[in-house]
C-alpha atoms as a PDB file:
ATOM      1  CA  MET A   1      22.663  60.983 -10.131  1.00  0.00           C
ATOM      2  CA  SER A   2      23.016  62.391  -6.750  1.00  0.00           C
ATOM      3  CA  HIS A   3      25.414  64.743  -8.115  1.00  0.00           C
ATOM      4  CA  ILE A   4      22.710  65.925 -10.951  1.00  0.00           C
ATOM      5  CA  ARG A   5      20.405  66.636  -7.994  1.00  0.00           C
ATOM      6  CA  ALA A   6      22.793  68.751  -6.265  1.00  0.00           C
ATOM      7  CA  ALA A   7      23.806  70.981  -9.493  1.00  0.00           C
ATOM      8  CA  VAL A   8      21.133  73.508  -8.961  1.00  0.00           C
ATOM      9  CA  PRO A   9      21.145  73.794  -4.924  1.00  0.00           C
ATOM     10  CA  ASP A  10      25.097  73.825  -5.205  1.00  0.00           C
ATOM     11  CA  GLY A  11      24.716  76.522  -8.092  1.00  0.00           C
ATOM     12  CA  ILE A  12      22.505  78.549  -5.927  1.00  0.00           C
ATOM     13  CA  LEU A  13      25.077  78.394  -3.257  1.00  0.00           C
ATOM     14  CA  ALA A  14      27.907  79.417  -5.554  1.00  0.00           C
ATOM     15  CA  GLY A  15      25.496  82.421  -6.860  1.00  0.00           C
ATOM     16  CA  ALA A  16      25.559  83.385  -3.286  1.00  0.00           C
ATOM     17  CA  MET A  17      29.098  83.485  -2.727  1.00  0.00           C
ATOM     18  CA  VAL A  18      29.688  85.246  -5.778  1.00  0.00           C
ATOM     19  CA  SER A  19      27.152  87.963  -4.908  1.00  0.00           C
ATOM     20  CA  ILE A  20      28.921  88.293  -1.412  1.00  0.00           C
ATOM     21  CA  GLY A  21      32.224  88.917  -2.992  1.00  0.00           C
ATOM     22  CA  GLY A  22      30.532  91.610  -5.309  1.00  0.00           C
ATOM     23  CA  THR A  23      28.869  93.071  -2.208  1.00  0.00           C
ATOM     24  CA  VAL A  24      32.506  93.799  -0.823  1.00  0.00           C
ATOM     25  CA  LEU A  25      33.573  95.027  -3.989  1.00  0.00           C
ATOM     26  CA  LEU A  26      30.892  97.554  -4.160  1.00  0.00           C
ATOM     27  CA  SER A  27      31.160  98.649  -0.661  1.00  0.00           C
ATOM     28  CA  VAL A  28      34.895  99.420  -0.111  1.00  0.00           C
ATOM     29  CA  ASP A  29      36.325 102.613  -1.451  1.00  0.00           C
ATOM     30  CA  ASN A  30      39.559 100.996  -2.112  1.00  0.00           C
ATOM     31  CA  ARG A  31      39.365  98.669  -5.442  1.00  0.00           C
ATOM     32  CA  TYR A  32      42.560  96.788  -4.864  1.00  0.00           C
ATOM     33  CA  ILE A  33      41.073  95.989  -1.616  1.00  0.00           C
ATOM     34  CA  GLY A  34      37.863  95.070  -2.769  1.00  0.00           C
ATOM     35  CA  ALA A  35      39.228  93.149  -5.694  1.00  0.00           C
ATOM     36  CA  ALA A  36      41.787  90.883  -3.156  1.00  0.00           C
ATOM     37  CA  LEU A  37      38.799  90.405  -0.872  1.00  0.00           C
ATOM     38  CA  PHE A  38      36.338  89.019  -3.719  1.00  0.00           C
ATOM     39  CA  SER A  39      38.598  86.076  -3.777  1.00  0.00           C
ATOM     40  CA  ILE A  40      36.780  84.652  -0.595  1.00  0.00           C
ATOM     41  CA  ALA A  41      34.025  84.058  -3.300  1.00  0.00           C
ATOM     42  CA  LEU A  42      35.527  81.291  -5.362  1.00  0.00           C
ATOM     43  CA  LEU A  43      37.844  80.043  -2.223  1.00  0.00           C
ATOM     44  CA  VAL A  44      34.514  79.026  -0.329  1.00  0.00           C
ATOM     45  CA  ILE A  45      33.185  77.685  -3.607  1.00  0.00           C
ATOM     46  CA  CYS A  46      36.383  75.354  -4.293  1.00  0.00           C
ATOM     47  CA  TYR A  47      36.739  74.303  -0.940  1.00  0.00           C
ATOM     48  CA  PHE A  48      33.139  73.277  -0.251  1.00  0.00           C
ATOM     49  CA  GLY A  49      32.660  72.167  -4.153  1.00  0.00           C
ATOM     50  CA  PHE A  50      29.749  74.304  -5.058  1.00  0.00           C
ATOM     51  CA  ASN A  51      28.724  74.680  -8.554  1.00  0.00           C
ATOM     52  CA  LEU A  52      30.005  77.562 -10.449  1.00  0.00           C
ATOM     53  CA  TYR A  53      29.560  77.572 -14.188  1.00  0.00           C
ATOM     54  CA  THR A  54      32.289  79.778 -14.894  1.00  0.00           C
ATOM     55  CA  GLY A  55      34.695  77.474 -12.966  1.00  0.00           C
ATOM     56  CA  LYS A  56      33.312  74.589 -14.738  1.00  0.00           C
ATOM     57  CA  VAL A  57      32.669  75.106 -18.108  1.00  0.00           C
ATOM     58  CA  GLY A  58      36.456  75.124 -19.118  1.00  0.00           C
ATOM     59  CA  PHE A  59      36.541  71.474 -18.089  1.00  0.00           C
ATOM     60  CA  LEU A  60      33.960  70.647 -20.612  1.00  0.00           C
ATOM     61  CA  TRP A  61      36.459  70.404 -23.540  1.00  0.00           C
ATOM     62  CA  ASN A  62      37.937  67.498 -22.370  1.00  0.00           C
ATOM     63  CA  THR A  63      35.033  66.011 -20.289  1.00  0.00           C
ATOM     64  CA  HIS A  64      31.834  66.836 -22.249  1.00  0.00           C
ATOM     65  CA  GLY A  65      29.476  63.854 -21.294  1.00  0.00           C
ATOM     66  CA  ARG A  66      25.740  64.286 -20.686  1.00  0.00           C
ATOM     67  CA  ALA A  67      26.266  64.416 -16.882  1.00  0.00           C
ATOM     68  CA  GLU A  68      29.038  66.911 -17.135  1.00  0.00           C
ATOM     69  CA  LEU A  69      27.031  69.134 -19.348  1.00  0.00           C
ATOM     70  CA  SER A  70      23.797  68.769 -17.177  1.00  0.00           C
ATOM     71  CA  MET A  71      26.080  69.868 -14.345  1.00  0.00           C
ATOM     72  CA  ALA A  72      27.266  72.827 -15.805  1.00  0.00           C
ATOM     73  CA  PHE A  73      24.027  74.167 -17.336  1.00  0.00           C
ATOM     74  CA  LEU A  74      22.206  73.410 -14.208  1.00  0.00           C
ATOM     75  CA  GLY A  75      24.732  75.033 -12.344  1.00  0.00           C
ATOM     76  CA  LEU A  76      24.418  78.397 -14.315  1.00  0.00           C
ATOM     77  CA  LEU A  77      20.553  78.277 -13.863  1.00  0.00           C
ATOM     78  CA  GLY A  78      21.359  77.882  -9.954  1.00  0.00           C
ATOM     79  CA  ASN A  79      23.858  80.475 -10.121  1.00  0.00           C
ATOM     80  CA  LEU A  80      21.067  83.032 -11.673  1.00  0.00           C
ATOM     81  CA  ILE A  81      18.659  81.959  -8.885  1.00  0.00           C
ATOM     82  CA  GLY A  82      21.549  82.581  -6.242  1.00  0.00           C
ATOM     83  CA  ALA A  83      22.670  85.772  -7.451  1.00  0.00           C
ATOM     84  CA  VAL A  84      18.987  87.295  -8.008  1.00  0.00           C
ATOM     85  CA  LEU A  85      17.750  86.012  -4.512  1.00  0.00           C
ATOM     86  CA  SER A  86      21.332  87.450  -2.651  1.00  0.00           C
ATOM     87  CA  ALA A  87      20.831  90.612  -4.702  1.00  0.00           C
ATOM     88  CA  LEU A  88      17.133  91.040  -3.279  1.00  0.00           C
ATOM     89  CA  LEU A  89      18.166  90.282   0.137  1.00  0.00           C
ATOM     90  CA  ILE A  90      21.266  92.581   0.024  1.00  0.00           C
ATOM     91  CA  ALA A  91      18.885  95.481  -1.330  1.00  0.00           C
ATOM     92  CA  ALA A  92      17.066  95.392   1.693  1.00  0.00           C
ATOM     93  CA  ALA A  93      20.009  94.958   4.055  1.00  0.00           C
ATOM     94  CA  LEU A  94      22.137  97.736   2.589  1.00  0.00           C
ATOM     95  CA  PRO A  95      19.752  99.746   0.304  1.00  0.00           C
ATOM     96  CA  GLN A  96      22.907 102.283  -0.038  1.00  0.00           C
ATOM     97  CA  LEU A  97      24.609  99.836  -2.369  1.00  0.00           C
ATOM     98  CA  ARG A  98      21.861  99.978  -5.171  1.00  0.00           C
ATOM     99  CA  GLU A  99      23.040 103.458  -6.643  1.00  0.00           C
ATOM    100  CA  THR A 100      26.650 102.085  -6.563  1.00  0.00           C
ATOM    101  CA  ALA A 101      25.208  98.898  -8.536  1.00  0.00           C
ATOM    102  CA  ILE A 102      23.318 101.236 -10.928  1.00  0.00           C
ATOM    103  CA  ALA A 103      26.475 103.288 -11.659  1.00  0.00           C
ATOM    104  CA  ALA A 104      28.428 100.284 -12.392  1.00  0.00           C
ATOM    105  CA  CYS A 105      25.739  98.731 -14.538  1.00  0.00           C
ATOM    106  CA  GLU A 106      25.268 101.715 -16.676  1.00  0.00           C
ATOM    107  CA  LYS A 107      28.963 101.870 -17.358  1.00  0.00           C
ATOM    108  CA  ARG A 108      28.705  98.105 -18.463  1.00  0.00           C
ATOM    109  CA  LEU A 109      25.807  98.886 -20.749  1.00  0.00           C
ATOM    110  CA  VAL A 110      27.597 101.533 -22.910  1.00  0.00           C
ATOM    111  CA  GLN A 111      30.416  98.727 -23.822  1.00  0.00           C
ATOM    112  CA  LEU A 112      30.071  97.460 -27.607  1.00  0.00           C
ATOM    113  CA  PRO A 113      28.908  93.946 -27.677  1.00  0.00           C
ATOM    114  CA  VAL A 114      32.415  92.821 -28.872  1.00  0.00           C
ATOM    115  CA  GLN A 115      33.884  94.475 -25.885  1.00  0.00           C
ATOM    116  CA  THR A 116      31.588  92.641 -23.510  1.00  0.00           C
ATOM    117  CA  LEU A 117      32.471  89.202 -25.166  1.00  0.00           C
ATOM    118  CA  LEU A 118      36.068  89.984 -25.116  1.00  0.00           C
ATOM    119  CA  ARG A 119      36.176  90.971 -21.517  1.00  0.00           C
ATOM    120  CA  GLY A 120      34.075  87.797 -20.492  1.00  0.00           C
ATOM    121  CA  PHE A 121      36.683  85.775 -22.620  1.00  0.00           C
ATOM    122  CA  PHE A 122      39.524  87.033 -20.700  1.00  0.00           C
ATOM    123  CA  CYS A 123      37.862  86.641 -17.391  1.00  0.00           C
ATOM    124  CA  GLY A 124      36.845  83.012 -18.608  1.00  0.00           C
ATOM    125  CA  ILE A 125      40.682  82.323 -19.075  1.00  0.00           C
ATOM    126  CA  LEU A 126      41.406  83.398 -15.618  1.00  0.00           C
ATOM    127  CA  MET A 127      38.625  81.502 -13.883  1.00  0.00           C
ATOM    128  CA  TYR A 128      39.622  78.154 -15.774  1.00  0.00           C
ATOM    129  CA  SER A 129      43.532  78.962 -14.627  1.00  0.00           C
ATOM    130  CA  ALA A 130      42.438  79.644 -10.808  1.00  0.00           C
ATOM    131  CA  VAL A 131      40.410  76.379 -10.636  1.00  0.00           C
ATOM    132  CA  TRP A 132      42.862  74.333 -12.607  1.00  0.00           C
ATOM    133  CA  ILE A 133      45.564  75.194 -10.252  1.00  0.00           C
ATOM    134  CA  TYR A 134      43.254  74.739  -7.100  1.00  0.00           C
ATOM    135  CA  ARG A 135      42.503  70.933  -8.599  1.00  0.00           C
ATOM    136  CA  GLU A 136      45.889  69.987  -9.924  1.00  0.00           C
ATOM    137  CA  LYS A 137      48.392  71.784  -7.517  1.00  0.00           C
ATOM    138  CA  LYS A 138      46.551  71.869  -4.301  1.00  0.00           C
ATOM    139  CA  THR A 139      46.952  75.408  -3.834  1.00  0.00           C
ATOM    140  CA  ALA A 140      44.578  78.618  -3.586  1.00  0.00           C
ATOM    141  CA  ALA A 141      47.379  80.861  -5.000  1.00  0.00           C
ATOM    142  CA  GLY A 142      45.673  80.710  -8.475  1.00  0.00           C
ATOM    143  CA  ILE A 143      42.407  81.877  -6.787  1.00  0.00           C
ATOM    144  CA  LEU A 144      44.059  84.588  -4.777  1.00  0.00           C
ATOM    145  CA  PHE A 145      45.850  86.133  -7.841  1.00  0.00           C
ATOM    146  CA  CYS A 146      43.578  85.291 -10.523  1.00  0.00           C
ATOM    147  CA  ILE A 147      40.518  86.706  -9.266  1.00  0.00           C
ATOM    148  CA  PRO A 148      41.814  90.319  -8.254  1.00  0.00           C
ATOM    149  CA  VAL A 149      43.343  90.407 -11.911  1.00  0.00           C
ATOM    150  CA  PHE A 150      40.353  89.713 -13.784  1.00  0.00           C
ATOM    151  CA  ILE A 151      38.444  92.666 -11.571  1.00  0.00           C
ATOM    152  CA  LEU A 152      41.317  95.204 -11.915  1.00  0.00           C
ATOM    153  CA  ALA A 153      41.547  94.515 -15.569  1.00  0.00           C
ATOM    154  CA  GLY A 154      37.734  95.069 -16.147  1.00  0.00           C
ATOM    155  CA  PHE A 155      37.045  91.740 -17.367  1.00  0.00           C
ATOM    156  CA  GLU A 156      33.339  90.504 -17.074  1.00  0.00           C
ATOM    157  CA  HIS A 157      32.432  87.583 -14.811  1.00  0.00           C
ATOM    158  CA  SER A 158      28.673  86.391 -15.942  1.00  0.00           C
ATOM    159  CA  VAL A 159      27.518  85.643 -12.481  1.00  0.00           C
ATOM    160  CA  ALA A 160      28.733  88.643 -10.869  1.00  0.00           C
ATOM    161  CA  ASP A 161      27.247  90.680 -13.457  1.00  0.00           C
ATOM    162  CA  MET A 162      23.797  88.707 -12.650  1.00  0.00           C
ATOM    163  CA  PHE A 163      24.265  90.142  -9.031  1.00  0.00           C
ATOM    164  CA  TYR A 164      25.195  93.689 -10.100  1.00  0.00           C
ATOM    165  CA  PHE A 165      22.201  93.880 -12.385  1.00  0.00           C
ATOM    166  CA  ALA A 166      19.608  92.565 -10.222  1.00  0.00           C
ATOM    167  CA  LEU A 167      21.107  94.611  -7.508  1.00  0.00           C
ATOM    168  CA  ALA A 168      20.442  97.650  -9.586  1.00  0.00           C
ATOM    169  CA  GLY A 169      17.064  96.519 -10.364  1.00  0.00           C
ATOM    170  CA  LEU A 170      17.990  96.755 -14.331  1.00  0.00           C
ATOM    171  CA  PHE A 171      15.812  93.598 -15.592  1.00  0.00           C
ATOM    172  CA  THR A 172      15.804  94.877 -19.225  1.00  0.00           C
ATOM    173  CA  PRO A 173      16.330  93.456 -22.635  1.00  0.00           C
ATOM    174  CA  LYS A 174      19.809  95.117 -23.177  1.00  0.00           C
ATOM    175  CA  ALA A 175      20.649  93.826 -19.643  1.00  0.00           C
ATOM    176  CA  LEU A 176      19.738  90.455 -20.672  1.00  0.00           C
ATOM    177  CA  VAL A 177      21.871  90.555 -23.665  1.00  0.00           C
ATOM    178  CA  PHE A 178      24.897  91.817 -22.003  1.00  0.00           C
ATOM    179  CA  ILE A 179      24.510  88.812 -19.580  1.00  0.00           C
ATOM    180  CA  LEU A 180      24.290  86.342 -22.314  1.00  0.00           C
ATOM    181  CA  LEU A 181      27.564  87.898 -24.151  1.00  0.00           C
ATOM    182  CA  ALA A 182      29.242  87.729 -20.846  1.00  0.00           C
ATOM    183  CA  VAL A 183      28.225  84.177 -20.408  1.00  0.00           C
ATOM    184  CA  LEU A 184      29.290  83.402 -23.890  1.00  0.00           C
ATOM    185  CA  GLY A 185      32.818  84.988 -23.500  1.00  0.00           C
ATOM    186  CA  ASN A 186      33.117  83.330 -20.169  1.00  0.00           C
ATOM    187  CA  SER A 187      32.537  80.021 -22.056  1.00  0.00           C
ATOM    188  CA  LEU A 188      34.892  80.744 -24.731  1.00  0.00           C
ATOM    189  CA  GLY A 189      37.715  81.963 -22.429  1.00  0.00           C
ATOM    190  CA  GLY A 190      37.298  78.916 -20.085  1.00  0.00           C
ATOM    191  CA  MET A 191      37.993  76.545 -22.800  1.00  0.00           C
ATOM    192  CA  PHE A 192      40.581  78.640 -24.471  1.00  0.00           C
ATOM    193  CA  ILE A 193      43.679  76.805 -22.510  1.00  0.00           C
ATOM    194  CA  PRO A 194      42.568  73.380 -22.874  1.00  0.00           C
ATOM    195  CA  ALA A 195      41.421  73.972 -26.640  1.00  0.00           C
ATOM    196  CA  VAL A 196      45.092  75.150 -27.523  1.00  0.00           C
ATOM    197  CA  GLN A 197      46.829  72.417 -25.470  1.00  0.00           C
ATOM    198  CA  SER A 198      44.766  69.869 -27.469  1.00  0.00           C
ATOM    199  CA  LEU A 199      46.432  70.870 -30.853  1.00  0.00           C
ATOM    200  CA  LYS A 200      49.700  69.569 -29.175  1.00  0.00           C
ATOM    201  CA  GLY A 201      48.253  66.507 -27.777  1.00  0.00           C
ATOM    202  CA  GLU A 202      48.036  67.703 -24.098  1.00  0.00           C
ATOM    203  CA  LYS A 203      44.850  67.014 -22.238  1.00  0.00           C
ATOM    204  CA  LYS A 204      44.101  68.604 -19.027  1.00  0.00           C
ATOM    205  CA  PRO A 205      41.296  67.538 -16.476  1.00  0.00           C
END
């Protein structure tokens, strides 16, 4: 039960790390450098074992007991808390980033709902891939490639989006719907690879 008690605190720490990655992405002029540096978030999360929803949800396809479900969804709650708290602190430390965040969020809010869902879906595939490669192949190569790819492709990471909207101060019903669609897309995308593999009788942890 100790791992369940740690789910929210570890989720907060994961949300904070994603927020740091989001901060550097908003801070640099070169989007390629920003996308590469964003990888620090998942590197730290994996090495410390923090609880990031988008890194765990895909594995629920094969291990979906009560404990695993609790870990994932309590982690999501922690991710939200960590992202919002980090956004408040970053807004105080780097107030100039708020305008950048507002512009980024306004661009997201003009997307069609299906676009947000699909962008979240493809991000979910990459997040599952990055974590699976780290777990199974004992290498950070997946993280170092998958993270920049989802950013440069314009896919949606729900926890990063929580940070951007909180930093922008956009706590609106439309923003909430956007985040929920991104979470759903990340969830479906995360389960895509293990779901298809199950059709040919393969299970991946």
